[in-house]
Protein backbone atom coordinates (compact mmCIF):
# COMPACT_ATOMS: atom_id res chain seq x y z
CA MET A 1 11.41 74.43 -44.45
CA ARG A 2 9.73 76.66 -41.90
CA TYR A 3 8.20 80.04 -42.51
CA ASP A 4 7.09 82.29 -39.68
CA VAL A 5 4.65 84.84 -41.03
CA ASN A 6 3.61 87.75 -38.86
CA PRO A 7 2.09 91.08 -39.85
CA PRO A 8 4.74 93.81 -39.95
CA ASP A 9 4.93 96.36 -37.16
CA LEU A 10 5.27 99.55 -39.17
CA SER A 11 5.92 101.65 -36.07
CA GLU A 12 9.47 100.26 -36.01
CA VAL A 13 10.27 100.99 -39.67
CA ARG A 14 13.62 102.74 -40.13
CA THR A 15 16.12 103.29 -42.91
CA ALA A 16 18.36 100.44 -43.94
CA GLY A 17 21.71 100.32 -42.25
CA GLU A 18 24.84 98.69 -43.59
CA GLU A 19 24.04 95.37 -41.87
CA ASP A 20 20.62 95.29 -43.54
CA LEU A 21 22.17 95.90 -46.94
CA CYS A 22 24.80 93.19 -46.38
CA PHE A 23 22.06 90.68 -45.55
CA ALA A 24 20.05 91.73 -48.61
CA ALA A 25 23.14 91.45 -50.83
CA PHE A 26 23.90 87.95 -49.47
CA SER A 27 20.29 86.87 -49.97
CA LEU A 28 20.17 88.12 -53.55
CA ALA A 29 23.59 86.71 -54.43
CA HIS A 30 22.55 83.24 -53.26
CA ALA A 31 18.88 83.28 -54.30
CA ALA A 32 19.56 80.83 -57.12
CA CYS A 33 21.13 78.37 -54.65
CA GLY A 34 17.66 77.72 -53.19
CA ASP A 35 17.60 74.94 -50.59
CA ASP A 36 21.40 74.97 -50.35
CA VAL A 37 21.17 78.09 -48.15
CA VAL A 38 20.93 77.28 -44.44
CA GLU A 39 19.70 79.94 -42.01
CA VAL A 40 20.39 79.52 -38.29
CA ARG A 41 19.35 81.93 -35.56
CA LEU A 42 22.16 82.46 -33.06
CA GLY A 43 20.51 83.91 -30.01
CA GLU A 44 18.07 86.78 -30.17
CA ARG A 45 19.95 89.18 -32.43
CA ALA A 46 22.32 87.16 -34.60
CA LEU A 47 21.69 85.20 -37.78
CA LEU A 48 24.06 82.79 -39.51
CA GLU A 49 23.62 82.29 -43.25
CA TRP A 50 25.48 79.43 -44.91
CA CYS A 51 25.37 78.64 -48.62
CA THR A 52 26.57 75.06 -48.90
CA ALA A 53 26.62 75.24 -52.71
CA CYS A 54 29.07 78.18 -52.74
CA ASP A 55 30.78 77.31 -49.44
CA VAL A 56 30.14 80.82 -48.05
CA MET A 57 29.15 81.58 -44.46
CA ARG A 58 28.21 84.96 -42.94
CA ILE A 59 26.95 86.02 -39.52
CA PHE A 60 24.68 89.05 -39.39
CA VAL A 61 24.27 91.08 -36.21
CA PRO A 62 22.42 94.42 -36.13
CA CYS A 63 24.36 97.46 -35.02
CA ASP A 64 23.00 99.34 -32.02
CA LYS A 65 22.42 102.98 -32.89
């Protein structure tokens, strides 16, 4: 496992959009699956989440506002 820890840049804080809530919902729904959740960065702005235990895959891309 790899964890990148950086201090947050609070100047870019904004309200949660639908894509943020979908990612949070996926993360919470599969929190018990632990190491069975695979996270892959697809380019600079896309994230693939795959829960091998539940056989569920989602791609998250932020909306431009």
